[in-house]
Amino acid sequence: MKECESQLEEARKKLKDLQEQLDAAKKDQSEAQSALKPLDAKVLDAKKAKESMEEEVSIEQADYTLAKKAYEEQLGLVQKLEAKIKVAAAKVKAIRDAEDSGGGVFNTPEKSGAIASAVPKLLALAAMVALASRQ
């Protein structure tokens, strides 16, 4: 019977040691869980921030796409207007070049060169007639 009591005493010591180890493991687990709670909150916050940013990026992408489409439409319109302006500028240049070669605002009739060249000839003729009549 003493042998059974000693075995029982040994079993109780082992049980007590195991119970202490179990308590220590539970304490460690509790500390680990306590340390994880703030990290879990940070992970949750990070996930929410990521989702918010992804939503914001998708909104910005949609805005960019719409703005790009509007820009391309306006660019096409500008190019068409520039082409029309070039055609109109060519017409205006042709009209201006045809109007007055002297650079004036109004058309001026070109003077005949016949009158300008006839005056000196007439003066020379008159001078000869005057000299001939004196003699």
N, C-alpha and C. Protein backbone atom coordinates (compact mmCIF):
# COMPACT_ATOMS: atom_id res chain seq x y z
N MET A 1 0.79 -1.15 0.00
CA MET A 1 0.00 0.00 0.00
C MET A 1 0.86 1.26 0.00
N LYS A 2 1.96 1.18 0.61
CA LYS A 2 2.88 2.31 0.61
C LYS A 2 3.34 2.59 -0.80
N GLU A 3 3.47 1.57 -1.52
CA GLU A 3 3.91 1.72 -2.88
C GLU A 3 2.82 2.46 -3.69
N CYS A 4 1.59 2.18 -3.45
CA CYS A 4 0.48 2.84 -4.14
C CYS A 4 0.41 4.29 -3.72
N GLU A 5 0.66 4.53 -2.45
CA GLU A 5 0.62 5.91 -1.97
C GLU A 5 1.76 6.72 -2.60
N SER A 6 2.92 6.12 -2.71
CA SER A 6 4.04 6.83 -3.32
C SER A 6 3.75 7.09 -4.80
N GLN A 7 3.15 6.13 -5.46
CA GLN A 7 2.80 6.31 -6.88
C GLN A 7 1.74 7.41 -7.01
N LEU A 8 0.80 7.40 -6.06
CA LEU A 8 -0.24 8.42 -6.08
C LEU A 8 0.38 9.79 -5.83
N GLU A 9 1.32 9.84 -4.91
CA GLU A 9 2.01 11.10 -4.61
C GLU A 9 2.78 11.59 -5.84
N GLU A 10 3.45 10.69 -6.52
CA GLU A 10 4.18 11.04 -7.75
C GLU A 10 3.22 11.52 -8.83
N ALA A 11 2.11 10.85 -8.96
CA ALA A 11 1.12 11.23 -9.96
C ALA A 11 0.57 12.61 -9.65
N ARG A 12 0.34 12.89 -8.35
CA ARG A 12 -0.16 14.20 -7.96
C ARG A 12 0.87 15.28 -8.27
N LYS A 13 2.16 15.01 -8.04
CA LYS A 13 3.22 15.97 -8.36
C LYS A 13 3.27 16.24 -9.85
N LYS A 14 3.18 15.16 -10.62
CA LYS A 14 3.19 15.31 -12.08
C LYS A 14 1.97 16.11 -12.53
N LEU A 15 0.84 15.80 -11.91
CA LEU A 15 -0.39 16.51 -12.25
C LEU A 15 -0.25 18.00 -11.90
N LYS A 16 0.34 18.25 -10.72
CA LYS A 16 0.55 19.63 -10.31
C LYS A 16 1.50 20.34 -11.26
N ASP A 17 2.58 19.68 -11.65
CA ASP A 17 3.52 20.27 -12.63
C ASP A 17 2.83 20.53 -13.97
N LEU A 18 2.05 19.56 -14.41
CA LEU A 18 1.33 19.73 -15.69
C LEU A 18 0.31 20.86 -15.58
N GLN A 19 -0.35 20.93 -14.40
CA GLN A 19 -1.31 22.00 -14.20
C GLN A 19 -0.62 23.36 -14.23
N GLU A 20 0.55 23.47 -13.63
CA GLU A 20 1.32 24.71 -13.65
C GLU A 20 1.76 25.06 -15.09
N GLN A 21 2.18 24.03 -15.82
CA GLN A 21 2.57 24.26 -17.23
C GLN A 21 1.36 24.72 -18.04
N LEU A 22 0.19 24.09 -17.76
CA LEU A 22 -1.04 24.48 -18.46
C LEU A 22 -1.41 25.91 -18.13
N ASP A 23 -1.31 26.28 -16.85
CA ASP A 23 -1.61 27.65 -16.44
C ASP A 23 -0.64 28.64 -17.11
N ALA A 24 0.63 28.29 -17.16
CA ALA A 24 1.63 29.15 -17.81
C ALA A 24 1.33 29.29 -19.30
N ALA A 25 0.95 28.17 -19.94
CA ALA A 25 0.62 28.20 -21.37
C ALA A 25 -0.62 29.06 -21.61
N LYS A 26 -1.63 28.94 -20.70
CA LYS A 26 -2.83 29.76 -20.84
C LYS A 26 -2.49 31.24 -20.67
N LYS A 27 -1.60 31.53 -19.71
CA LYS A 27 -1.18 32.90 -19.48
C LYS A 27 -0.46 33.44 -20.71
N ASP A 28 0.44 32.65 -21.28
CA ASP A 28 1.15 33.06 -22.50
C ASP A 28 0.18 33.29 -23.65
N GLN A 29 -0.79 32.37 -23.75
CA GLN A 29 -1.79 32.49 -24.82
C GLN A 29 -2.60 33.77 -24.62
N SER A 30 -2.97 34.05 -23.39
CA SER A 30 -3.74 35.26 -23.09
C SER A 30 -2.93 36.51 -23.42
N GLU A 31 -1.65 36.51 -23.08
CA GLU A 31 -0.78 37.64 -23.41
C GLU A 31 -0.64 37.81 -24.92
N ALA A 32 -0.51 36.67 -25.60
CA ALA A 32 -0.41 36.72 -27.06
C ALA A 32 -1.69 37.27 -27.67
N GLN A 33 -2.83 36.85 -27.17
CA GLN A 33 -4.11 37.34 -27.66
C GLN A 33 -4.24 38.85 -27.39
N SER A 34 -3.79 39.27 -26.21
CA SER A 34 -3.83 40.69 -25.87
C SER A 34 -2.94 41.50 -26.80
N ALA A 35 -1.80 40.94 -27.15
CA ALA A 35 -0.89 41.63 -28.07
C ALA A 35 -1.46 41.66 -29.48
N LEU A 36 -2.25 40.67 -29.85
CA LEU A 36 -2.81 40.60 -31.20
C LEU A 36 -4.00 41.53 -31.40
N LYS A 37 -4.72 41.84 -30.33
CA LYS A 37 -5.92 42.68 -30.47
C LYS A 37 -5.61 44.02 -31.14
N PRO A 38 -4.59 44.76 -30.69
CA PRO A 38 -4.31 46.02 -31.39
C PRO A 38 -3.87 45.79 -32.83
N LEU A 39 -3.15 44.70 -33.06
CA LEU A 39 -2.70 44.40 -34.42
C LEU A 39 -3.89 44.04 -35.30
N ASP A 40 -4.85 43.30 -34.73
CA ASP A 40 -6.06 42.97 -35.50
C ASP A 40 -6.81 44.25 -35.87
N ALA A 41 -6.86 45.18 -34.92
CA ALA A 41 -7.53 46.46 -35.20
C ALA A 41 -6.79 47.22 -36.30
N LYS A 42 -5.46 47.19 -36.26
CA LYS A 42 -4.68 47.86 -37.31
C LYS A 42 -4.91 47.21 -38.66
N VAL A 43 -4.96 45.88 -38.67
CA VAL A 43 -5.21 45.15 -39.92
C VAL A 43 -6.58 45.52 -40.46
N LEU A 44 -7.57 45.57 -39.58
CA LEU A 44 -8.93 45.93 -40.00
C LEU A 44 -8.96 47.36 -40.54
N ASP A 45 -8.28 48.27 -39.84
CA ASP A 45 -8.21 49.65 -40.32
C ASP A 45 -7.51 49.72 -41.68
N ALA A 46 -6.45 48.95 -41.84
CA ALA A 46 -5.72 48.94 -43.10
C ALA A 46 -6.60 48.41 -44.23
N LYS A 47 -7.40 47.38 -43.94
CA LYS A 47 -8.30 46.83 -44.96
C LYS A 47 -9.34 47.86 -45.35
N LYS A 48 -9.89 48.57 -44.35
CA LYS A 48 -10.89 49.60 -44.65
C LYS A 48 -10.27 50.72 -45.47
N ALA A 49 -9.04 51.11 -45.11
CA ALA A 49 -8.36 52.16 -45.86
C ALA A 49 -8.10 51.72 -47.30
N LYS A 50 -7.71 50.47 -47.46
CA LYS A 50 -7.45 49.94 -48.80
C LYS A 50 -8.72 49.96 -49.64
N GLU A 51 -9.82 49.50 -49.04
CA GLU A 51 -11.09 49.49 -49.76
C GLU A 51 -11.51 50.92 -50.13
N SER A 52 -11.31 51.84 -49.20
CA SER A 52 -11.66 53.24 -49.46
C SER A 52 -10.81 53.79 -50.60
N MET A 53 -9.52 53.49 -50.57
CA MET A 53 -8.63 53.97 -51.63
C MET A 53 -8.96 53.34 -52.97
N GLU A 54 -9.30 52.06 -52.96
CA GLU A 54 -9.67 51.41 -54.22
C GLU A 54 -10.92 52.04 -54.79
N GLU A 55 -11.88 52.37 -53.92
CA GLU A 55 -13.09 53.02 -54.39
C GLU A 55 -12.77 54.41 -54.94
N GLU A 56 -11.90 55.12 -54.23
CA GLU A 56 -11.49 56.45 -54.68
C GLU A 56 -10.76 56.38 -56.02
N VAL A 57 -9.90 55.37 -56.18
CA VAL A 57 -9.17 55.19 -57.44
C VAL A 57 -10.14 54.91 -58.58
N SER A 58 -11.15 54.07 -58.31
CA SER A 58 -12.10 53.77 -59.38
C SER A 58 -12.90 55.01 -59.77
N ILE A 59 -13.25 55.84 -58.77
CA ILE A 59 -13.96 57.09 -59.08
C ILE A 59 -13.06 58.02 -59.89
N GLU A 60 -11.81 58.14 -59.46
CA GLU A 60 -10.86 59.00 -60.18
C GLU A 60 -10.63 58.48 -61.60
N GLN A 61 -10.57 57.17 -61.77
CA GLN A 61 -10.38 56.59 -63.10
C GLN A 61 -11.56 56.92 -63.99
N ALA A 62 -12.77 56.82 -63.43
CA ALA A 62 -13.96 57.17 -64.21
C ALA A 62 -13.94 58.64 -64.59
N ASP A 63 -13.58 59.50 -63.65
CA ASP A 63 -13.48 60.94 -63.94
C ASP A 63 -12.44 61.21 -65.02
N TYR A 64 -11.31 60.54 -64.91
CA TYR A 64 -10.24 60.70 -65.90
C TYR A 64 -10.72 60.28 -67.28
N THR A 65 -11.41 59.16 -67.34
CA THR A 65 -11.90 58.66 -68.63
C THR A 65 -12.87 59.65 -69.26
N LEU A 66 -13.78 60.19 -68.44
CA LEU A 66 -14.73 61.17 -68.97
C LEU A 66 -14.01 62.44 -69.42
N ALA A 67 -13.07 62.90 -68.62
CA ALA A 67 -12.33 64.11 -68.97
C ALA A 67 -11.51 63.91 -70.24
N LYS A 68 -10.91 62.75 -70.36
CA LYS A 68 -10.10 62.46 -71.56
C LYS A 68 -10.99 62.44 -72.80
N LYS A 69 -12.17 61.83 -72.67
CA LYS A 69 -13.09 61.78 -73.81
C LYS A 69 -13.52 63.20 -74.20
N ALA A 70 -13.85 64.02 -73.20
CA ALA A 70 -14.25 65.41 -73.48
C ALA A 70 -13.10 66.18 -74.11
N TYR A 71 -11.88 65.96 -73.62
CA TYR A 71 -10.70 66.63 -74.18
C TYR A 71 -10.51 66.25 -75.63
N GLU A 72 -10.63 64.96 -75.92
CA GLU A 72 -10.42 64.50 -77.30
C GLU A 72 -11.49 65.07 -78.22
N GLU A 73 -12.74 65.19 -77.72
CA GLU A 73 -13.79 65.79 -78.54
C GLU A 73 -13.47 67.26 -78.81
N GLN A 74 -13.05 67.97 -77.76
CA GLN A 74 -12.72 69.38 -77.93
C GLN A 74 -11.51 69.56 -78.84
N LEU A 75 -10.54 68.66 -78.72
CA LEU A 75 -9.36 68.72 -79.58
C LEU A 75 -9.76 68.54 -81.05
N GLY A 76 -10.66 67.62 -81.31
CA GLY A 76 -11.15 67.42 -82.68
C GLY A 76 -11.85 68.67 -83.19
N LEU A 77 -12.66 69.29 -82.33
CA LEU A 77 -13.36 70.51 -82.71
C LEU A 77 -12.36 71.63 -82.98
N VAL A 78 -11.36 71.75 -82.14
CA VAL A 78 -10.34 72.79 -82.33
C VAL A 78 -9.60 72.57 -83.64
N GLN A 79 -9.27 71.33 -83.94
CA GLN A 79 -8.56 71.05 -85.19
C GLN A 79 -9.42 71.40 -86.40
N LYS A 80 -10.73 71.10 -86.32
CA LYS A 80 -11.63 71.47 -87.43
C LYS A 80 -11.70 72.98 -87.58
N LEU A 81 -11.80 73.68 -86.45
CA LEU A 81 -11.87 75.14 -86.50
C LEU A 81 -10.57 75.74 -87.03
N GLU A 82 -9.44 75.17 -86.64
CA GLU A 82 -8.16 75.66 -87.15
C GLU A 82 -8.07 75.48 -88.66
N ALA A 83 -8.57 74.36 -89.15
CA ALA A 83 -8.57 74.13 -90.60
C ALA A 83 -9.46 75.18 -91.30
N LYS A 84 -10.64 75.45 -90.71
CA LYS A 84 -11.53 76.46 -91.30
C LYS A 84 -10.87 77.84 -91.26
N ILE A 85 -10.17 78.13 -90.17
CA ILE A 85 -9.49 79.43 -90.04
C ILE A 85 -8.41 79.57 -91.11
N LYS A 86 -7.67 78.49 -91.36
CA LYS A 86 -6.62 78.54 -92.39
C LYS A 86 -7.22 78.80 -93.76
N VAL A 87 -8.35 78.15 -94.05
CA VAL A 87 -9.02 78.37 -95.34
C VAL A 87 -9.49 79.81 -95.43
N ALA A 88 -10.11 80.31 -94.34
CA ALA A 88 -10.60 81.69 -94.35
C ALA A 88 -9.44 82.67 -94.45
N ALA A 89 -8.33 82.39 -93.79
CA ALA A 89 -7.16 83.27 -93.87
C ALA A 89 -6.62 83.31 -95.29
N ALA A 90 -6.62 82.20 -95.96
CA ALA A 90 -6.14 82.18 -97.35
C ALA A 90 -7.06 83.02 -98.24
N LYS A 91 -8.38 82.93 -97.99
CA LYS A 91 -9.32 83.73 -98.78
C LYS A 91 -9.12 85.22 -98.51
N VAL A 92 -8.95 85.57 -97.23
CA VAL A 92 -8.74 86.97 -96.87
C VAL A 92 -7.45 87.49 -97.49
N LYS A 93 -6.41 86.69 -97.46
CA LYS A 93 -5.13 87.09 -98.04
C LYS A 93 -5.29 87.33 -99.54
N ALA A 94 -6.01 86.43 -100.20
CA ALA A 94 -6.21 86.59 -101.64
C ALA A 94 -6.99 87.87 -101.93
N ILE A 95 -8.00 88.15 -101.10
CA ILE A 95 -8.80 89.37 -101.31
C ILE A 95 -7.95 90.61 -101.06
N ARG A 96 -7.18 90.59 -100.00
CA ARG A 96 -6.33 91.74 -99.68
C ARG A 96 -5.27 91.97 -100.74
N ASP A 97 -4.68 90.88 -101.23
CA ASP A 97 -3.66 91.02 -102.26
C ASP A 97 -4.25 91.58 -103.54
N ALA A 98 -5.50 91.25 -103.82
CA ALA A 98 -6.14 91.71 -105.05
C ALA A 98 -6.63 93.14 -104.92
N GLU A 99 -6.89 93.64 -103.74
CA GLU A 99 -7.49 94.94 -103.55
C GLU A 99 -6.57 96.08 -103.93
N ASP A 100 -5.53 96.30 -103.18
CA ASP A 100 -4.69 97.47 -103.43
C ASP A 100 -3.24 97.06 -103.28
N SER A 101 -2.53 97.10 -104.36
CA SER A 101 -1.13 96.67 -104.32
C SER A 101 -0.27 97.69 -103.57
N GLY A 102 -0.78 98.91 -103.40
CA GLY A 102 -0.03 99.95 -102.69
C GLY A 102 -0.19 99.84 -101.18
N GLY A 103 -1.01 98.92 -100.73
CA GLY A 103 -1.19 98.74 -99.30
C GLY A 103 -2.27 99.61 -98.72
N GLY A 104 -3.04 100.29 -99.54
CA GLY A 104 -4.10 101.16 -99.03
C GLY A 104 -5.33 100.37 -98.62
N VAL A 105 -6.29 101.11 -98.05
CA VAL A 105 -7.51 100.49 -97.59
C VAL A 105 -8.50 100.32 -98.72
N PHE A 106 -8.55 101.29 -99.60
CA PHE A 106 -9.52 101.24 -100.69
C PHE A 106 -8.83 100.96 -102.01
N ASN A 107 -9.63 100.45 -102.94
CA ASN A 107 -9.09 100.26 -104.29
C ASN A 107 -8.81 101.61 -104.90
N THR A 108 -7.67 101.72 -105.47
CA THR A 108 -7.34 102.95 -106.19
C THR A 108 -7.11 102.56 -107.64
N PRO A 109 -7.71 103.33 -108.56
CA PRO A 109 -7.50 102.96 -109.95
C PRO A 109 -6.06 103.23 -110.34
N GLU A 110 -5.54 102.37 -111.13
CA GLU A 110 -4.16 102.54 -111.56
C GLU A 110 -4.11 103.69 -112.56
N LYS A 111 -3.12 104.52 -112.41
CA LYS A 111 -2.97 105.66 -113.30
C LYS A 111 -2.34 105.19 -114.60
N SER A 112 -2.82 105.79 -115.62
CA SER A 112 -2.31 105.43 -116.92
C SER A 112 -0.93 106.02 -117.11
N GLY A 113 -0.04 105.27 -117.60
CA GLY A 113 1.32 105.74 -117.87
C GLY A 113 1.39 106.61 -119.11
N ALA A 114 0.34 106.60 -119.93
CA ALA A 114 0.34 107.37 -121.17
C ALA A 114 0.37 108.87 -120.87
N ILE A 115 -0.39 109.30 -119.85
CA ILE A 115 -0.43 110.73 -119.53
C ILE A 115 0.91 111.14 -118.96
N ALA A 116 1.45 110.35 -118.11
CA ALA A 116 2.71 110.71 -117.47
C ALA A 116 3.85 110.80 -118.49
N SER A 117 3.84 109.93 -119.48
CA SER A 117 4.91 109.98 -120.46
C SER A 117 4.64 111.03 -121.54
N ALA A 118 3.41 111.45 -121.71
CA ALA A 118 3.06 112.43 -122.74
C ALA A 118 3.42 113.84 -122.31
N VAL A 119 3.40 114.17 -121.04
CA VAL A 119 3.66 115.52 -120.56
C VAL A 119 5.07 115.97 -120.95
N PRO A 120 6.13 115.23 -120.69
CA PRO A 120 7.44 115.72 -121.10
C PRO A 120 7.56 115.89 -122.62
N LYS A 121 6.91 115.02 -123.36
CA LYS A 121 6.97 115.14 -124.82
C LYS A 121 6.29 116.42 -125.28
N LEU A 122 5.15 116.73 -124.64
CA LEU A 122 4.44 117.95 -125.01
C LEU A 122 5.26 119.19 -124.67
N LEU A 123 5.92 119.14 -123.48
CA LEU A 123 6.77 120.27 -123.10
C LEU A 123 7.93 120.46 -124.09
N ALA A 124 8.51 119.35 -124.50
CA ALA A 124 9.61 119.44 -125.46
C ALA A 124 9.11 120.00 -126.80
N LEU A 125 7.93 119.58 -127.22
CA LEU A 125 7.34 120.05 -128.47
C LEU A 125 7.04 121.55 -128.38
N ALA A 126 6.51 121.96 -127.24
CA ALA A 126 6.16 123.37 -127.05
C ALA A 126 7.43 124.21 -127.06
N ALA A 127 8.50 123.70 -126.46
CA ALA A 127 9.76 124.44 -126.44
C ALA A 127 10.29 124.57 -127.85
N MET A 128 10.21 123.55 -128.65
CA MET A 128 10.70 123.61 -130.02
C MET A 128 9.87 124.60 -130.86
N VAL A 129 8.58 124.58 -130.62
CA VAL A 129 7.72 125.51 -131.37
C VAL A 129 8.05 126.94 -130.99
N ALA A 130 8.31 127.16 -129.70
CA ALA A 130 8.64 128.51 -129.24
C ALA A 130 9.97 128.95 -129.84
N LEU A 131 10.95 128.08 -129.89
CA LEU A 131 12.23 128.41 -130.46
C LEU A 131 12.09 128.65 -132.00
N ALA A 132 11.30 127.87 -132.61
CA ALA A 132 11.15 128.00 -134.06
C ALA A 132 10.42 129.30 -134.42
N SER A 133 9.50 129.71 -133.59
CA SER A 133 8.77 130.94 -133.88
C SER A 133 9.63 132.16 -133.62
N ARG A 134 10.64 132.14 -132.88
CA ARG A 134 11.55 133.25 -132.63
C ARG A 134 12.50 133.42 -133.81
N GLN A 135 12.73 132.54 -134.47
CA GLN A 135 13.71 132.66 -135.53
C GLN A 135 13.14 133.23 -136.75
